[in-house]
Amino acid sequence: MEVMNELSKGKSNHTVAEEMLISHKTVSAHKCNALKKMGLCKLNAHAINIYGIYKNLLQQRVFG
């Protein structure tokens, strides 16, 4: 979730990897696994935006 949260802010895989002190491949693997779980693995960039919208909706529901 941390990787996806950072990517949904518009950060690149490379930037997230540097900030989290993990490899670029690890970021890609986490992103791919998260997108597979959501059934969005073939959308890539659009899927990250969808993730951000979904996350915001859930937060509004829980905290709103």
Protein backbone atom coordinates (compact mmCIF):
# COMPACT_ATOMS: atom_id res chain seq x y z
CA MET A 1 0.00 0.00 0.00
CA GLU A 2 2.85 2.39 0.73
CA VAL A 3 4.22 2.00 -2.79
CA MET A 4 0.80 2.51 -4.35
CA ASN A 5 0.12 5.54 -2.15
CA GLU A 6 3.33 7.16 -3.33
CA LEU A 7 2.68 6.29 -6.97
CA SER A 8 -0.84 7.71 -6.74
CA LYS A 9 0.76 11.06 -5.81
CA GLY A 10 2.29 11.11 -9.28
CA LYS A 11 5.76 9.94 -8.31
CA SER A 12 7.74 7.74 -10.68
CA ASN A 13 8.85 4.20 -9.87
CA HIS A 14 12.43 5.46 -9.70
CA THR A 15 11.57 8.25 -7.24
CA VAL A 16 9.57 5.92 -5.00
CA ALA A 17 12.43 3.41 -5.04
CA GLU A 18 14.95 6.05 -3.99
CA GLU A 19 12.71 7.45 -1.25
CA MET A 20 11.85 4.04 0.18
CA LEU A 21 15.41 2.72 -0.20
CA ILE A 22 14.27 -0.24 -2.29
CA SER A 23 15.05 -1.26 -5.84
CA HIS A 24 13.13 -0.15 -8.92
CA LYS A 25 12.23 -3.81 -9.52
CA THR A 26 10.74 -4.09 -6.04
CA VAL A 27 8.53 -1.05 -6.69
CA SER A 28 7.41 -2.58 -9.98
CA ALA A 29 6.67 -5.92 -8.30
CA HIS A 30 4.62 -4.30 -5.53
CA LYS A 31 2.72 -2.23 -8.08
CA CYS A 32 2.02 -5.23 -10.29
CA ASN A 33 0.83 -7.35 -7.33
CA ALA A 34 -1.46 -4.60 -6.04
CA LEU A 35 -2.95 -4.02 -9.49
CA LYS A 36 -3.51 -7.76 -10.00
CA LYS A 37 -5.44 -7.92 -6.73
CA MET A 38 -7.67 -5.11 -8.00
CA GLY A 39 -8.07 -6.69 -11.44
CA LEU A 40 -6.35 -3.71 -13.09
CA CYS A 41 -3.00 -5.16 -14.13
CA LYS A 42 -3.25 -4.19 -17.81
CA LEU A 43 -4.10 -0.53 -17.26
CA ASN A 44 -0.86 0.53 -15.50
CA ALA A 45 -0.84 4.36 -15.26
CA HIS A 46 -4.63 4.62 -15.37
CA ALA A 47 -4.87 1.93 -12.72
CA ILE A 48 -2.78 3.99 -10.32
CA ASN A 49 -5.20 6.89 -10.76
CA ILE A 50 -8.10 4.51 -10.17
CA TYR A 51 -6.36 3.27 -7.02
CA GLY A 52 -6.03 6.87 -5.76
CA ILE A 53 -9.71 7.57 -6.37
CA TYR A 54 -10.72 4.29 -4.71
CA LYS A 55 -8.51 5.01 -1.70
CA ASN A 56 -10.03 8.49 -1.29
CA LEU A 57 -13.55 7.10 -1.51
CA LEU A 58 -12.79 4.54 1.17
CA GLN A 59 -11.30 7.18 3.45
CA GLN A 60 -14.36 9.39 3.02
CA ARG A 61 -16.60 6.48 3.88
CA VAL A 62 -14.63 5.52 6.96
CA PHE A 63 -13.81 8.99 8.25
CA GLY A 64 -16.58 11.05 6.63
